[in-house]
């Protein structure tokens, strides 16, 4: 079932206890989801065969993600990674690295 960029953004807000958009506003999250899709295209170009020769162009938050829904958690991990990198809490540094590792492993194994 297709999912939208805003679905990933909402997942991340829930996961990071920031549904009110206090720490990470929507424009930031939208940019991070688009970055996640671009990173996915670099890691797994086979998932983008119909657009392989075209550079990734950022999508609006209500656009469908050009990946199967099984990649939704992986994209969320990338966005959480980017959000946590901006945190001043030292505990978030380790979690940010863990989220990036999860993204990379998920993209390779799914």
Protein backbone atom coordinates (compact mmCIF):
# COMPACT_ATOMS: atom_id res chain seq x y z
CA UNK A 1 0.00 0.00 0.00
CA UNK A 2 1.48 3.40 -0.94
CA UNK A 3 2.45 5.78 1.80
CA UNK A 4 3.19 9.48 1.78
CA UNK A 5 6.11 11.53 3.00
CA UNK A 6 3.86 13.02 5.67
CA UNK A 7 3.25 9.50 7.03
CA UNK A 8 6.99 9.08 7.68
CA UNK A 9 7.10 12.57 9.20
CA UNK A 10 4.25 11.68 11.59
CA UNK A 11 5.89 8.35 12.51
CA UNK A 12 9.07 10.17 13.46
CA UNK A 13 7.20 12.76 15.51
CA UNK A 14 5.53 9.98 17.46
CA UNK A 15 8.75 7.99 17.88
CA UNK A 16 10.66 11.03 19.14
CA UNK A 17 7.82 12.31 21.33
CA UNK A 18 7.54 15.45 19.22
CA UNK A 19 4.08 15.22 17.68
CA UNK A 20 3.62 18.94 18.48
CA UNK A 21 6.58 19.80 16.20
CA UNK A 22 8.40 21.62 18.98
CA UNK A 23 11.93 20.27 18.49
CA UNK A 24 11.82 19.29 14.82
CA UNK A 25 9.38 21.32 12.70
CA UNK A 26 7.77 19.97 9.55
CA UNK A 27 10.07 21.76 7.07
CA UNK A 28 13.06 20.04 8.67
CA UNK A 29 11.37 16.65 8.72
CA UNK A 30 10.26 17.04 5.10
CA UNK A 31 13.83 17.78 4.06
CA UNK A 32 15.06 14.76 6.00
CA UNK A 33 12.52 12.43 4.37
CA UNK A 34 13.57 13.68 0.96
CA UNK A 35 17.21 13.15 1.95
CA UNK A 36 16.31 9.62 3.07
CA UNK A 37 14.78 8.82 -0.31
CA UNK A 38 17.84 10.21 -2.08
CA UNK A 39 20.10 8.11 0.17
CA UNK A 40 17.94 5.05 -0.56
CA UNK A 41 18.38 5.70 -4.27
CA UNK A 42 22.16 5.75 -3.78
CA UNK A 43 22.18 2.56 -1.72
CA UNK A 44 19.61 0.67 -3.78
CA UNK A 45 19.42 2.05 -7.33
CA UNK A 46 17.64 -1.17 -8.33
CA UNK A 47 14.57 0.14 -6.51
CA UNK A 48 14.47 3.17 -8.82
CA UNK A 49 15.05 1.56 -12.23
CA UNK A 50 12.38 3.62 -13.98
CA UNK A 51 14.09 6.85 -12.88
CA UNK A 52 17.70 5.68 -12.54
CA UNK A 53 19.09 8.31 -14.94
CA UNK A 54 17.14 11.15 -13.33
CA UNK A 55 18.49 12.94 -10.27
CA UNK A 56 16.14 12.73 -7.31
CA UNK A 57 13.91 15.79 -7.04
CA UNK A 58 12.46 16.61 -3.60
CA UNK A 59 8.77 15.78 -3.15
CA UNK A 60 5.99 17.56 -1.29
CA UNK A 61 4.80 16.10 2.01
CA UNK A 62 1.54 14.86 0.47
CA UNK A 63 3.35 13.00 -2.33
CA UNK A 64 3.56 9.21 -2.46
CA UNK A 65 6.93 7.77 -1.50
CA UNK A 66 8.43 6.02 -4.56
CA UNK A 67 9.26 2.89 -2.56
CA UNK A 68 7.30 -0.14 -1.38
CA UNK A 69 5.76 0.27 2.07
CA UNK A 70 8.20 -2.20 3.62
CA UNK A 71 10.81 0.60 3.43
CA UNK A 72 8.77 2.99 5.57
CA UNK A 73 10.54 2.00 8.84
CA UNK A 74 13.95 2.38 7.16
CA UNK A 75 13.11 5.90 6.01
CA UNK A 76 11.91 6.69 9.52
CA UNK A 77 15.24 5.51 10.92
CA UNK A 78 17.09 7.88 8.60
CA UNK A 79 14.87 10.83 9.59
CA UNK A 80 15.27 10.03 13.30
CA UNK A 81 19.04 9.91 12.74
CA UNK A 82 19.01 13.40 11.20
CA UNK A 83 16.76 14.80 13.93
CA UNK A 84 18.86 13.33 16.72
CA UNK A 85 22.06 14.73 15.23
CA UNK A 86 20.68 18.20 15.97
CA UNK A 87 20.03 17.38 19.60
CA UNK A 88 22.26 18.75 22.33
CA UNK A 89 21.65 15.69 24.52
CA UNK A 90 24.76 13.48 24.48
CA UNK A 91 22.62 10.35 24.81
CA UNK A 92 21.07 11.19 21.45
CA UNK A 93 24.46 10.91 19.71
CA UNK A 94 24.59 7.15 20.22
CA UNK A 95 20.97 6.73 19.25
CA UNK A 96 21.52 8.79 16.09
CA UNK A 97 24.32 6.46 15.03
CA UNK A 98 22.17 3.45 15.83
CA UNK A 99 19.35 4.82 13.66
CA UNK A 100 21.71 5.35 10.72
CA UNK A 101 22.99 1.81 11.06
CA UNK A 102 19.40 0.54 11.09
CA UNK A 103 18.64 2.53 7.92
CA UNK A 104 21.64 1.16 6.06
CA UNK A 105 21.06 -2.44 7.18
CA UNK A 106 17.36 -2.26 6.37
CA UNK A 107 17.97 -0.86 2.90
CA UNK A 108 20.45 -3.65 2.14
CA UNK A 109 18.36 -6.48 3.51
CA UNK A 110 14.80 -5.71 2.41
